Amino acid sequence: MSKFSLFGKFIVQEGERDTMVHILLEAAESMKNLDECEIYLVSTSESEPHAVYVYEVWRNEAAHQASLTLESTQTLIKRAKPIITGMVRISTLETRGGKGIFNEAN
């Protein structure tokens, strides 16, 4: 069974990348208790000092949407909004498997 995945980029105000990384790592920590969230990775690039990338893999799209309504997620969104200057959904993907992804049969 395939999974719902997102690859996105947050663009933040000058000097706020580390703050955004911290907020997103808090989000990743809160996702540890959600079985529906299989991967939540936060990354940066030396060539883009105002960008933070997030790669997420979810059991399905509904699980991702439900996570956005959680109180903990809403609190983190409120903290992040003032420093975000843009967001790009690079791609919505259908993850088919691989290292770190569990199939329904496992």
PDB file of N, CA and C in Angstrom:
ATOM      1  N   MET A   1       0.845  -1.181   0.000  1.00  0.00           N
ATOM      2  CA  MET A   1       0.000   0.000   0.000  1.00  0.00           C
ATOM      3  C   MET A   1       0.891   1.246   0.000  1.00  0.00           C
ATOM      4  N   SER A   2       0.549   2.219  -0.789  1.00  0.00           N
ATOM      5  CA  SER A   2       1.353   3.439  -0.867  1.00  0.00           C
ATOM      6  C   SER A   2       1.016   4.393   0.268  1.00  0.00           C
ATOM      7  N   LYS A   3       1.896   5.336   0.497  1.00  0.00           N
ATOM      8  CA  LYS A   3       1.773   6.328   1.565  1.00  0.00           C
ATOM      9  C   LYS A   3       1.650   7.714   0.955  1.00  0.00           C
ATOM     10  N   PHE A   4       1.092   8.649   1.719  1.00  0.00           N
ATOM     11  CA  PHE A   4       0.989  10.042   1.299  1.00  0.00           C
ATOM     12  C   PHE A   4       2.231  10.778   1.798  1.00  0.00           C
ATOM     13  N   SER A   5       2.916  11.463   0.899  1.00  0.00           N
ATOM     14  CA  SER A   5       4.143  12.162   1.266  1.00  0.00           C
ATOM     15  C   SER A   5       4.129  13.586   0.752  1.00  0.00           C
ATOM     16  N   LEU A   6       4.794  14.449   1.491  1.00  0.00           N
ATOM     17  CA  LEU A   6       4.930  15.857   1.117  1.00  0.00           C
ATOM     18  C   LEU A   6       6.391  16.257   1.194  1.00  0.00           C
ATOM     19  N   PHE A   7       6.800  17.086   0.261  1.00  0.00           N
ATOM     20  CA  PHE A   7       8.119  17.695   0.301  1.00  0.00           C
ATOM     21  C   PHE A   7       7.885  19.187   0.138  1.00  0.00           C
ATOM     22  N   GLY A   8       8.229  19.944   1.176  1.00  0.00           N
ATOM     23  CA  GLY A   8       7.953  21.372   1.147  1.00  0.00           C
ATOM     24  C   GLY A   8       9.117  22.203   1.641  1.00  0.00           C
ATOM     25  N   LYS A   9       8.999  23.503   1.378  1.00  0.00           N
ATOM     26  CA  LYS A   9      10.041  24.444   1.781  1.00  0.00           C
ATOM     27  C   LYS A   9       9.389  25.649   2.442  1.00  0.00           C
ATOM     28  N   PHE A  10       9.908  26.010   3.608  1.00  0.00           N
ATOM     29  CA  PHE A  10       9.524  27.244   4.285  1.00  0.00           C
ATOM     30  C   PHE A  10      10.619  28.271   4.045  1.00  0.00           C
ATOM     31  N   ILE A  11      10.232  29.464   3.675  1.00  0.00           N
ATOM     32  CA  ILE A  11      11.172  30.571   3.533  1.00  0.00           C
ATOM     33  C   ILE A  11      10.901  31.497   4.712  1.00  0.00           C
ATOM     34  N   VAL A  12      11.970  31.842   5.421  1.00  0.00           N
ATOM     35  CA  VAL A  12      11.810  32.620   6.647  1.00  0.00           C
ATOM     36  C   VAL A  12      12.602  33.923   6.585  1.00  0.00           C
ATOM     37  N   GLN A  13      12.268  34.811   7.518  1.00  0.00           N
ATOM     38  CA  GLN A  13      12.961  36.096   7.609  1.00  0.00           C
ATOM     39  C   GLN A  13      14.444  35.878   7.881  1.00  0.00           C
ATOM     40  N   GLU A  14      15.236  36.859   7.478  1.00  0.00           N
ATOM     41  CA  GLU A  14      16.676  36.805   7.701  1.00  0.00           C
ATOM     42  C   GLU A  14      16.976  36.563   9.176  1.00  0.00           C
ATOM     43  N   GLY A  15      17.874  35.622   9.427  1.00  0.00           N
ATOM     44  CA  GLY A  15      18.306  35.320  10.789  1.00  0.00           C
ATOM     45  C   GLY A  15      17.353  34.416  11.572  1.00  0.00           C
ATOM     46  N   GLU A  16      16.282  33.948  10.948  1.00  0.00           N
ATOM     47  CA  GLU A  16      15.285  33.151  11.667  1.00  0.00           C
ATOM     48  C   GLU A  16      15.283  31.664  11.291  1.00  0.00           C
ATOM     49  N   ARG A  17      16.241  31.257  10.464  1.00  0.00           N
ATOM     50  CA  ARG A  17      16.239  29.858  10.047  1.00  0.00           C
ATOM     51  C   ARG A  17      16.364  28.909  11.231  1.00  0.00           C
ATOM     52  N   ASP A  18      17.264  29.191  12.163  1.00  0.00           N
ATOM     53  CA  ASP A  18      17.440  28.295  13.310  1.00  0.00           C
ATOM     54  C   ASP A  18      16.186  28.245  14.175  1.00  0.00           C
ATOM     55  N   THR A  19      15.487  29.368  14.279  1.00  0.00           N
ATOM     56  CA  THR A  19      14.225  29.379  15.026  1.00  0.00           C
ATOM     57  C   THR A  19      13.216  28.463  14.352  1.00  0.00           C
ATOM     58  N   MET A  20      13.125  28.551  13.033  1.00  0.00           N
ATOM     59  CA  MET A  20      12.184  27.704  12.300  1.00  0.00           C
ATOM     60  C   MET A  20      12.569  26.242  12.413  1.00  0.00           C
ATOM     61  N   VAL A  21      13.854  25.949  12.321  1.00  0.00           N
ATOM     62  CA  VAL A  21      14.318  24.567  12.490  1.00  0.00           C
ATOM     63  C   VAL A  21      13.883  24.049  13.862  1.00  0.00           C
ATOM     64  N   HIS A  22      14.072  24.849  14.887  1.00  0.00           N
ATOM     65  CA  HIS A  22      13.694  24.441  16.249  1.00  0.00           C
ATOM     66  C   HIS A  22      12.188  24.149  16.328  1.00  0.00           C
ATOM     67  N   ILE A  23      11.372  25.026  15.769  1.00  0.00           N
ATOM     68  CA  ILE A  23       9.915  24.828  15.789  1.00  0.00           C
ATOM     69  C   ILE A  23       9.541  23.539  15.059  1.00  0.00           C
ATOM     70  N   LEU A  24      10.145  23.320  13.888  1.00  0.00           N
ATOM     71  CA  LEU A  24       9.821  22.121  13.118  1.00  0.00           C
ATOM     72  C   LEU A  24      10.331  20.845  13.786  1.00  0.00           C
ATOM     73  N   LEU A  25      11.451  20.937  14.492  1.00  0.00           N
ATOM     74  CA  LEU A  25      11.924  19.766  15.243  1.00  0.00           C
ATOM     75  C   LEU A  25      11.001  19.466  16.425  1.00  0.00           C
ATOM     76  N   GLU A  26      10.401  20.507  17.007  1.00  0.00           N
ATOM     77  CA  GLU A  26       9.372  20.289  18.030  1.00  0.00           C
ATOM     78  C   GLU A  26       8.177  19.567  17.417  1.00  0.00           C
ATOM     79  N   ALA A  27       7.813  19.970  16.199  1.00  0.00           N
ATOM     80  CA  ALA A  27       6.719  19.289  15.499  1.00  0.00           C
ATOM     81  C   ALA A  27       7.074  17.827  15.274  1.00  0.00           C
ATOM     82  N   ALA A  28       8.302  17.570  14.838  1.00  0.00           N
ATOM     83  CA  ALA A  28       8.748  16.198  14.613  1.00  0.00           C
ATOM     84  C   ALA A  28       8.661  15.387  15.899  1.00  0.00           C
ATOM     85  N   GLU A  29       9.054  15.991  16.996  1.00  0.00           N
ATOM     86  CA  GLU A  29       8.988  15.308  18.296  1.00  0.00           C
ATOM     87  C   GLU A  29       7.538  14.973  18.650  1.00  0.00           C
ATOM     88  N   SER A  30       6.627  15.901  18.394  1.00  0.00           N
ATOM     89  CA  SER A  30       5.220  15.649  18.711  1.00  0.00           C
ATOM     90  C   SER A  30       4.631  14.567  17.811  1.00  0.00           C
ATOM     91  N   MET A  31       5.200  14.363  16.639  1.00  0.00           N
ATOM     92  CA  MET A  31       4.709  13.338  15.713  1.00  0.00           C
ATOM     93  C   MET A  31       5.150  11.932  16.121  1.00  0.00           C
ATOM     94  N   LYS A  32       6.095  11.824  17.028  1.00  0.00           N
ATOM     95  CA  LYS A  32       6.570  10.504  17.450  1.00  0.00           C
ATOM     96  C   LYS A  32       5.453   9.650  18.038  1.00  0.00           C
ATOM     97  N   ASN A  33       4.434  10.287  18.605  1.00  0.00           N
ATOM     98  CA  ASN A  33       3.326   9.548  19.207  1.00  0.00           C
ATOM     99  C   ASN A  33       2.217   9.224  18.211  1.00  0.00           C
ATOM    100  N   LEU A  34       2.357   9.680  16.971  1.00  0.00           N
ATOM    101  CA  LEU A  34       1.347   9.417  15.947  1.00  0.00           C
ATOM    102  C   LEU A  34       1.833   8.294  15.035  1.00  0.00           C
ATOM    103  N   ASP A  35       1.229   7.135  15.140  1.00  0.00           N
ATOM    104  CA  ASP A  35       1.616   6.008  14.289  1.00  0.00           C
ATOM    105  C   ASP A  35       1.416   6.322  12.812  1.00  0.00           C
ATOM    106  N   GLU A  36       0.476   7.206  12.509  1.00  0.00           N
ATOM    107  CA  GLU A  36       0.162   7.544  11.118  1.00  0.00           C
ATOM    108  C   GLU A  36       1.282   8.327  10.449  1.00  0.00           C
ATOM    109  N   CYS A  37       2.142   8.991  11.244  1.00  0.00           N
ATOM    110  CA  CYS A  37       3.281   9.739  10.707  1.00  0.00           C
ATOM    111  C   CYS A  37       4.493   8.821  10.741  1.00  0.00           C
ATOM    112  N   GLU A  38       4.957   8.440   9.559  1.00  0.00           N
ATOM    113  CA  GLU A  38       6.064   7.497   9.494  1.00  0.00           C
ATOM    114  C   GLU A  38       7.418   8.175   9.385  1.00  0.00           C
ATOM    115  N   ILE A  39       7.467   9.330   8.740  1.00  0.00           N
ATOM    116  CA  ILE A  39       8.719  10.074   8.600  1.00  0.00           C
ATOM    117  C   ILE A  39       8.404  11.564   8.670  1.00  0.00           C
ATOM    118  N   TYR A  40       9.222  12.309   9.406  1.00  0.00           N
ATOM    119  CA  TYR A  40       9.111  13.766   9.463  1.00  0.00           C
ATOM    120  C   TYR A  40      10.537  14.294   9.591  1.00  0.00           C
ATOM    121  N   LEU A  41      11.099  14.719   8.473  1.00  0.00           N
ATOM    122  CA  LEU A  41      12.491  15.153   8.435  1.00  0.00           C
ATOM    123  C   LEU A  41      12.585  16.653   8.187  1.00  0.00           C
ATOM    124  N   VAL A  42      13.474  17.294   8.905  1.00  0.00           N
ATOM    125  CA  VAL A  42      13.716  18.732   8.771  1.00  0.00           C
ATOM    126  C   VAL A  42      15.140  18.904   8.261  1.00  0.00           C
ATOM    127  N   SER A  43      15.307  19.673   7.182  1.00  0.00           N
ATOM    128  CA  SER A  43      16.627  19.825   6.555  1.00  0.00           C
ATOM    129  C   SER A  43      16.875  21.271   6.158  1.00  0.00           C
ATOM    130  N   THR A  44      18.164  21.618   6.052  1.00  0.00           N
ATOM    131  CA  THR A  44      18.568  22.940   5.561  1.00  0.00           C
ATOM    132  C   THR A  44      19.613  22.760   4.472  1.00  0.00           C
ATOM    133  N   SER A  45      19.858  23.843   3.747  1.00  0.00           N
ATOM    134  CA  SER A  45      20.849  23.838   2.674  1.00  0.00           C
ATOM    135  C   SER A  45      21.772  25.034   2.869  1.00  0.00           C
ATOM    136  N   GLU A  46      23.075  24.809   2.758  1.00  0.00           N
ATOM    137  CA  GLU A  46      24.034  25.911   2.892  1.00  0.00           C
ATOM    138  C   GLU A  46      23.774  27.009   1.870  1.00  0.00           C
ATOM    139  N   SER A  47      23.292  26.631   0.703  1.00  0.00           N
ATOM    140  CA  SER A  47      23.089  27.609  -0.368  1.00  0.00           C
ATOM    141  C   SER A  47      21.800  28.414  -0.222  1.00  0.00           C
ATOM    142  N   GLU A  48      20.958  28.068   0.756  1.00  0.00           N
ATOM    143  CA  GLU A  48      19.704  28.783   0.975  1.00  0.00           C
ATOM    144  C   GLU A  48      19.560  29.123   2.457  1.00  0.00           C
ATOM    145  N   PRO A  49      20.152  30.225   2.897  1.00  0.00           N
ATOM    146  CA  PRO A  49      20.159  30.558   4.323  1.00  0.00           C
ATOM    147  C   PRO A  49      18.800  30.957   4.897  1.00  0.00           C
ATOM    148  N   HIS A  50      17.793  31.143   4.039  1.00  0.00           N
ATOM    149  CA  HIS A  50      16.462  31.533   4.514  1.00  0.00           C
ATOM    150  C   HIS A  50      15.439  30.421   4.320  1.00  0.00           C
ATOM    151  N   ALA A  51      15.909  29.203   4.030  1.00  0.00           N
ATOM    152  CA  ALA A  51      14.990  28.108   3.720  1.00  0.00           C
ATOM    153  C   ALA A  51      15.150  26.930   4.675  1.00  0.00           C
ATOM    154  N   VAL A  52      14.015  26.292   4.968  1.00  0.00           N
ATOM    155  CA  VAL A  52      13.989  25.055   5.740  1.00  0.00           C
ATOM    156  C   VAL A  52      13.080  24.088   4.982  1.00  0.00           C
ATOM    157  N   TYR A  53      13.590  22.895   4.738  1.00  0.00           N
ATOM    158  CA  TYR A  53      12.842  21.879   4.008  1.00  0.00           C
ATOM    159  C   TYR A  53      12.244  20.866   4.977  1.00  0.00           C
ATOM    160  N   VAL A  54      11.064  20.372   4.630  1.00  0.00           N
ATOM    161  CA  VAL A  54      10.422  19.326   5.425  1.00  0.00           C
ATOM    162  C   VAL A  54       9.956  18.229   4.481  1.00  0.00           C
ATOM    163  N   TYR A  55      10.288  16.996   4.837  1.00  0.00           N
ATOM    164  CA  TYR A  55       9.814  15.824   4.102  1.00  0.00           C
ATOM    165  C   TYR A  55       9.002  14.977   5.070  1.00  0.00           C
ATOM    166  N   GLU A  56       7.761  14.690   4.709  1.00  0.00           N
ATOM    167  CA  GLU A  56       6.847  13.947   5.569  1.00  0.00           C
ATOM    168  C   GLU A  56       6.297  12.742   4.826  1.00  0.00           C
ATOM    169  N   VAL A  57       6.147  11.634   5.541  1.00  0.00           N
ATOM    170  CA  VAL A  57       5.463  10.464   5.008  1.00  0.00           C
ATOM    171  C   VAL A  57       4.383  10.077   6.011  1.00  0.00           C
ATOM    172  N   TRP A  58       3.160   9.966   5.493  1.00  0.00           N
ATOM    173  CA  TRP A  58       1.985   9.657   6.308  1.00  0.00           C
ATOM    174  C   TRP A  58       1.308   8.405   5.788  1.00  0.00           C
ATOM    175  N   ARG A  59       0.599   7.728   6.660  1.00  0.00           N
ATOM    176  CA  ARG A  59      -0.149   6.532   6.269  1.00  0.00           C
ATOM    177  C   ARG A  59      -1.117   6.856   5.134  1.00  0.00           C
ATOM    178  N   ASN A  60      -1.727   8.053   5.203  1.00  0.00           N
ATOM    179  CA  ASN A  60      -2.625   8.508   4.140  1.00  0.00           C
ATOM    180  C   ASN A  60      -2.824  10.024   4.289  1.00  0.00           C
ATOM    181  N   GLU A  61      -3.449  10.633   3.306  1.00  0.00           N
ATOM    182  CA  GLU A  61      -3.636  12.088   3.327  1.00  0.00           C
ATOM    183  C   GLU A  61      -4.540  12.536   4.462  1.00  0.00           C
ATOM    184  N   ALA A  62      -5.547  11.745   4.794  1.00  0.00           N
ATOM    185  CA  ALA A  62      -6.456  12.095   5.885  1.00  0.00           C
ATOM    186  C   ALA A  62      -5.709  12.210   7.215  1.00  0.00           C
ATOM    187  N   ALA A  63      -4.738  11.337   7.438  1.00  0.00           N
ATOM    188  CA  ALA A  63      -3.933  11.388   8.667  1.00  0.00           C
ATOM    189  C   ALA A  63      -3.134  12.679   8.728  1.00  0.00           C
ATOM    190  N   HIS A  64      -2.583  13.091   7.598  1.00  0.00           N
ATOM    191  CA  HIS A  64      -1.853  14.354   7.561  1.00  0.00           C
ATOM    192  C   HIS A  64      -2.780  15.517   7.883  1.00  0.00           C
ATOM    193  N   GLN A  65      -3.933  15.561   7.240  1.00  0.00           N
ATOM    194  CA  GLN A  65      -4.890  16.639   7.475  1.00  0.00           C
ATOM    195  C   GLN A  65      -5.327  16.675   8.941  1.00  0.00           C
ATOM    196  N   ALA A  66      -5.562  15.518   9.528  1.00  0.00           N
ATOM    197  CA  ALA A  66      -5.968  15.450  10.941  1.00  0.00           C
ATOM    198  C   ALA A  66      -4.874  15.997  11.848  1.00  0.00           C
ATOM    199  N   SER A  67      -3.615  15.780  11.496  1.00  0.00           N
ATOM    200  CA  SER A  67      -2.510  16.263  12.331  1.00  0.00           C
ATOM    201  C   SER A  67      -2.485  17.788  12.405  1.00  0.00           C
ATOM    202  N   LEU A  68      -2.961  18.427  11.359  1.00  0.00           N
ATOM    203  CA  LEU A  68      -2.967  19.895  11.334  1.00  0.00           C
ATOM    204  C   LEU A  68      -3.982  20.492  12.291  1.00  0.00           C
ATOM    205  N   THR A  69      -4.934  19.699  12.750  1.00  0.00           N
ATOM    206  CA  THR A  69      -5.956  20.198  13.671  1.00  0.00           C
ATOM    207  C   THR A  69      -5.591  19.973  15.139  1.00  0.00           C
ATOM    208  N   LEU A  70      -4.509  19.246  15.399  1.00  0.00           N
ATOM    209  CA  LEU A  70      -4.103  18.985  16.785  1.00  0.00           C
ATOM    210  C   LEU A  70      -3.697  20.280  17.477  1.00  0.00           C
ATOM    211  N   GLU A  71      -3.999  20.387  18.749  1.00  0.00           N
ATOM    212  CA  GLU A  71      -3.665  21.582  19.520  1.00  0.00           C
ATOM    213  C   GLU A  71      -2.164  21.865  19.496  1.00  0.00           C
ATOM    214  N   SER A  72      -1.353  20.809  19.626  1.00  0.00           N
ATOM    215  CA  SER A  72       0.100  21.000  19.616  1.00  0.00           C
ATOM    216  C   SER A  72       0.572  21.554  18.272  1.00  0.00           C
ATOM    217  N   THR A  73      -0.009  21.070  17.191  1.00  0.00           N
ATOM    218  CA  THR A  73       0.346  21.563  15.853  1.00  0.00           C
ATOM    219  C   THR A  73      -0.092  23.005  15.689  1.00  0.00           C
ATOM    220  N   GLN A  74      -1.285  23.320  16.123  1.00  0.00           N
ATOM    221  CA  GLN A  74      -1.797  24.693  16.006  1.00  0.00           C
ATOM    222  C   GLN A  74      -0.922  25.684  16.789  1.00  0.00           C
ATOM    223  N   THR A  75      -0.446  25.266  17.957  1.00  0.00           N
ATOM    224  CA  THR A  75       0.435  26.116  18.765  1.00  0.00           C
ATOM    225  C   THR A  75       1.739  26.388  18.025  1.00  0.00           C
ATOM    226  N   LEU A  76       2.316  25.365  17.414  1.00  0.00           N
ATOM    227  CA  LEU A  76       3.561  25.539  16.669  1.00  0.00           C
ATOM    228  C   LEU A  76       3.357  26.404  15.424  1.00  0.00           C
ATOM    229  N   ILE A  77       2.236  26.244  14.760  1.00  0.00           N
ATOM    230  CA  ILE A  77       1.927  27.074  13.592  1.00  0.00           C
ATOM    231  C   ILE A  77       1.854  28.545  13.997  1.00  0.00           C
ATOM    232  N   LYS A  78       1.209  28.828  15.107  1.00  0.00           N
ATOM    233  CA  LYS A  78       1.108  30.215  15.588  1.00  0.00           C
ATOM    234  C   LYS A  78       2.478  30.807  15.893  1.00  0.00           C
ATOM    235  N   ARG A  79       3.377  29.993  16.422  1.00  0.00           N
ATOM    236  CA  ARG A  79       4.736  30.473  16.710  1.00  0.00           C
ATOM    237  C   ARG A  79       5.533  30.719  15.436  1.00  0.00           C
ATOM    238  N   ALA A  80       5.295  29.895  14.419  1.00  0.00           N
ATOM    239  CA  ALA A  80       6.070  29.987  13.185  1.00  0.00           C
ATOM    240  C   ALA A  80       5.582  31.083  12.241  1.00  0.00           C
ATOM    241  N   LYS A  81       4.295  31.347  12.227  1.00  0.00           N
ATOM    242  CA  LYS A  81       3.728  32.289  11.248  1.00  0.00           C
ATOM    243  C   LYS A  81       4.446  33.629  11.162  1.00  0.00           C
ATOM    244  N   PRO A  82       4.812  34.256  12.292  1.00  0.00           N
ATOM    245  CA  PRO A  82       5.434  35.583  12.193  1.00  0.00           C
ATOM    246  C   PRO A  82       6.782  35.615  11.476  1.00  0.00           C
ATOM    247  N   ILE A  83       7.470  34.480  11.386  1.00  0.00           N
ATOM    248  CA  ILE A  83       8.792  34.488  10.751  1.00  0.00           C
ATOM    249  C   ILE A  83       8.777  33.915   9.337  1.00  0.00           C
ATOM    250  N   ILE A  84       7.650  33.349   8.919  1.00  0.00           N
ATOM    251  CA  ILE A  84       7.544  32.755   7.580  1.00  0.00           C
ATOM    252  C   ILE A  84       7.239  33.843   6.559  1.00  0.00           C
ATOM    253  N   THR A  85       8.045  33.889   5.503  1.00  0.00           N
ATOM    254  CA  THR A  85       7.792  34.842   4.416  1.00  0.00           C
ATOM    255  C   THR A  85       7.251  34.148   3.172  1.00  0.00           C
ATOM    256  N   GLY A  86       7.316  32.827   3.139  1.00  0.00           N
ATOM    257  CA  GLY A  86       6.791  32.083   2.005  1.00  0.00           C
ATOM    258  C   GLY A  86       6.833  30.591   2.248  1.00  0.00           C
ATOM    259  N   MET A  87       5.983  29.889   1.506  1.00  0.00           N
ATOM    260  CA  MET A  87       5.954  28.438   1.587  1.00  0.00           C
ATOM    261  C   MET A  87       5.805  27.890   0.178  1.00  0.00           C
ATOM    262  N   VAL A  88       6.511  26.796  -0.092  1.00  0.00           N
ATOM    263  CA  VAL A  88       6.435  26.157  -1.398  1.00  0.00           C
ATOM    264  C   VAL A  88       6.178  24.676  -1.174  1.00  0.00           C
ATOM    265  N   ARG A  89       5.102  24.168  -1.762  1.00  0.00           N
ATOM    266  CA  ARG A  89       4.888  22.722  -1.752  1.00  0.00           C
ATOM    267  C   ARG A  89       5.613  22.212  -2.983  1.00  0.00           C
ATOM    268  N   ILE A  90       6.804  21.695  -2.764  1.00  0.00           N
ATOM    269  CA  ILE A  90       7.637  21.240  -3.869  1.00  0.00           C
ATOM    270  C   ILE A  90       6.963  20.082  -4.584  1.00  0.00           C
ATOM    271  N   SER A  91       6.441  19.154  -3.803  1.00  0.00           N
ATOM    272  CA  SER A  91       5.775  18.024  -4.424  1.00  0.00           C
ATOM    273  C   SER A  91       4.930  17.279  -3.410  1.00  0.00           C
ATOM    274  N   THR A  92       3.835  16.734  -3.897  1.00  0.00           N
ATOM    275  CA  THR A  92       3.060  15.745  -3.161  1.00  0.00           C
ATOM    276  C   THR A  92       3.381  14.427  -3.834  1.00  0.00           C
ATOM    277  N   LEU A  93       3.765  13.459  -3.036  1.00  0.00           N
ATOM    278  CA  LEU A  93       4.284  12.215  -3.586  1.00  0.00           C
ATOM    279  C   LEU A  93       3.478  11.020  -3.108  1.00  0.00           C
ATOM    280  N   GLU A  94       3.586   9.936  -3.843  1.00  0.00           N
ATOM    281  CA  GLU A  94       3.038   8.659  -3.433  1.00  0.00           C
ATOM    282  C   GLU A  94       4.230   7.754  -3.145  1.00  0.00           C
ATOM    283  N   THR A  95       4.557   7.597  -1.874  1.00  0.00           N
ATOM    284  CA  THR A  95       5.697   6.775  -1.478  1.00  0.00           C
ATOM    285  C   THR A  95       5.280   5.317  -1.541  1.00  0.00           C
ATOM    286  N   ARG A  96       6.067   4.537  -2.249  1.00  0.00           N
ATOM    287  CA  ARG A  96       5.718   3.137  -2.511  1.00  0.00           C
ATOM    288  C   ARG A  96       6.450   2.170  -1.598  1.00  0.00           C
ATOM    289  N   GLY A  97       7.524   2.617  -0.913  1.00  0.00           N
ATOM    290  CA  GLY A  97       8.268   1.741  -0.022  1.00  0.00           C
ATOM    291  C   GLY A  97       9.711   2.153   0.027  1.00  0.00           C
ATOM    292  N   GLY A  98      10.520   1.364   0.705  1.00  0.00           N
ATOM    293  CA  GLY A  98      11.933   1.640   0.843  1.00  0.00           C
ATOM    294  C   GLY A  98      12.353   1.574   2.295  1.00  0.00           C
ATOM    295  N   LYS A  99      13.602   1.828   2.544  1.00  0.00           N
ATOM    296  CA  LYS A  99      14.139   1.787   3.901  1.00  0.00           C
ATOM    297  C   LYS A  99      13.424   2.811   4.768  1.00  0.00           C
ATOM    298  N   GLY A 100      12.939   2.381   5.905  1.00  0.00           N
ATOM    299  CA  GLY A 100      12.258   3.274   6.819  1.00  0.00           C
ATOM    300  C   GLY A 100      10.751   3.307   6.648  1.00  0.00           C
ATOM    301  N   ILE A 101      10.249   2.710   5.576  1.00  0.00           N
ATOM    302  CA  ILE A 101       8.806   2.674   5.327  1.00  0.00           C
ATOM    303  C   ILE A 101       8.324   1.248   5.531  1.00  0.00           C
ATOM    304  N   PHE A 102       7.324   1.100   6.368  1.00  0.00           N
ATOM    305  CA  PHE A 102       6.795  -0.230   6.653  1.00  0.00           C
ATOM    306  C   PHE A 102       5.588  -0.485   5.758  1.00  0.00           C
ATOM    307  N   ASN A 103       5.555  -1.635   5.166  1.00  0.00           N
ATOM    308  CA  ASN A 103       4.403  -2.060   4.369  1.00  0.00           C
ATOM    309  C   ASN A 103       3.333  -2.573   5.310  1.00  0.00           C
ATOM    310  N   GLU A 104       2.086  -2.534   4.866  1.00  0.00           N
ATOM    311  CA  GLU A 104       0.967  -3.018   5.680  1.00  0.00           C
ATOM    312  C   GLU A 104       1.148  -4.485   6.060  1.00  0.00           C
ATOM    313  N   ALA A 105       1.853  -5.253   5.226  1.00  0.00           N
ATOM    314  CA  ALA A 105       2.040  -6.675   5.493  1.00  0.00           C
ATOM    315  C   ALA A 105       3.032  -6.915   6.627  1.00  0.00           C
ATOM    316  N   ASN A 106       3.888  -5.932   6.940  1.00  0.00           N
ATOM    317  CA  ASN A 106       4.903  -6.119   7.988  1.00  0.00           C
ATOM    318  C   ASN A 106       4.304  -6.034   9.362  1.00  0.00           C
TER     319      ASN A 106
END
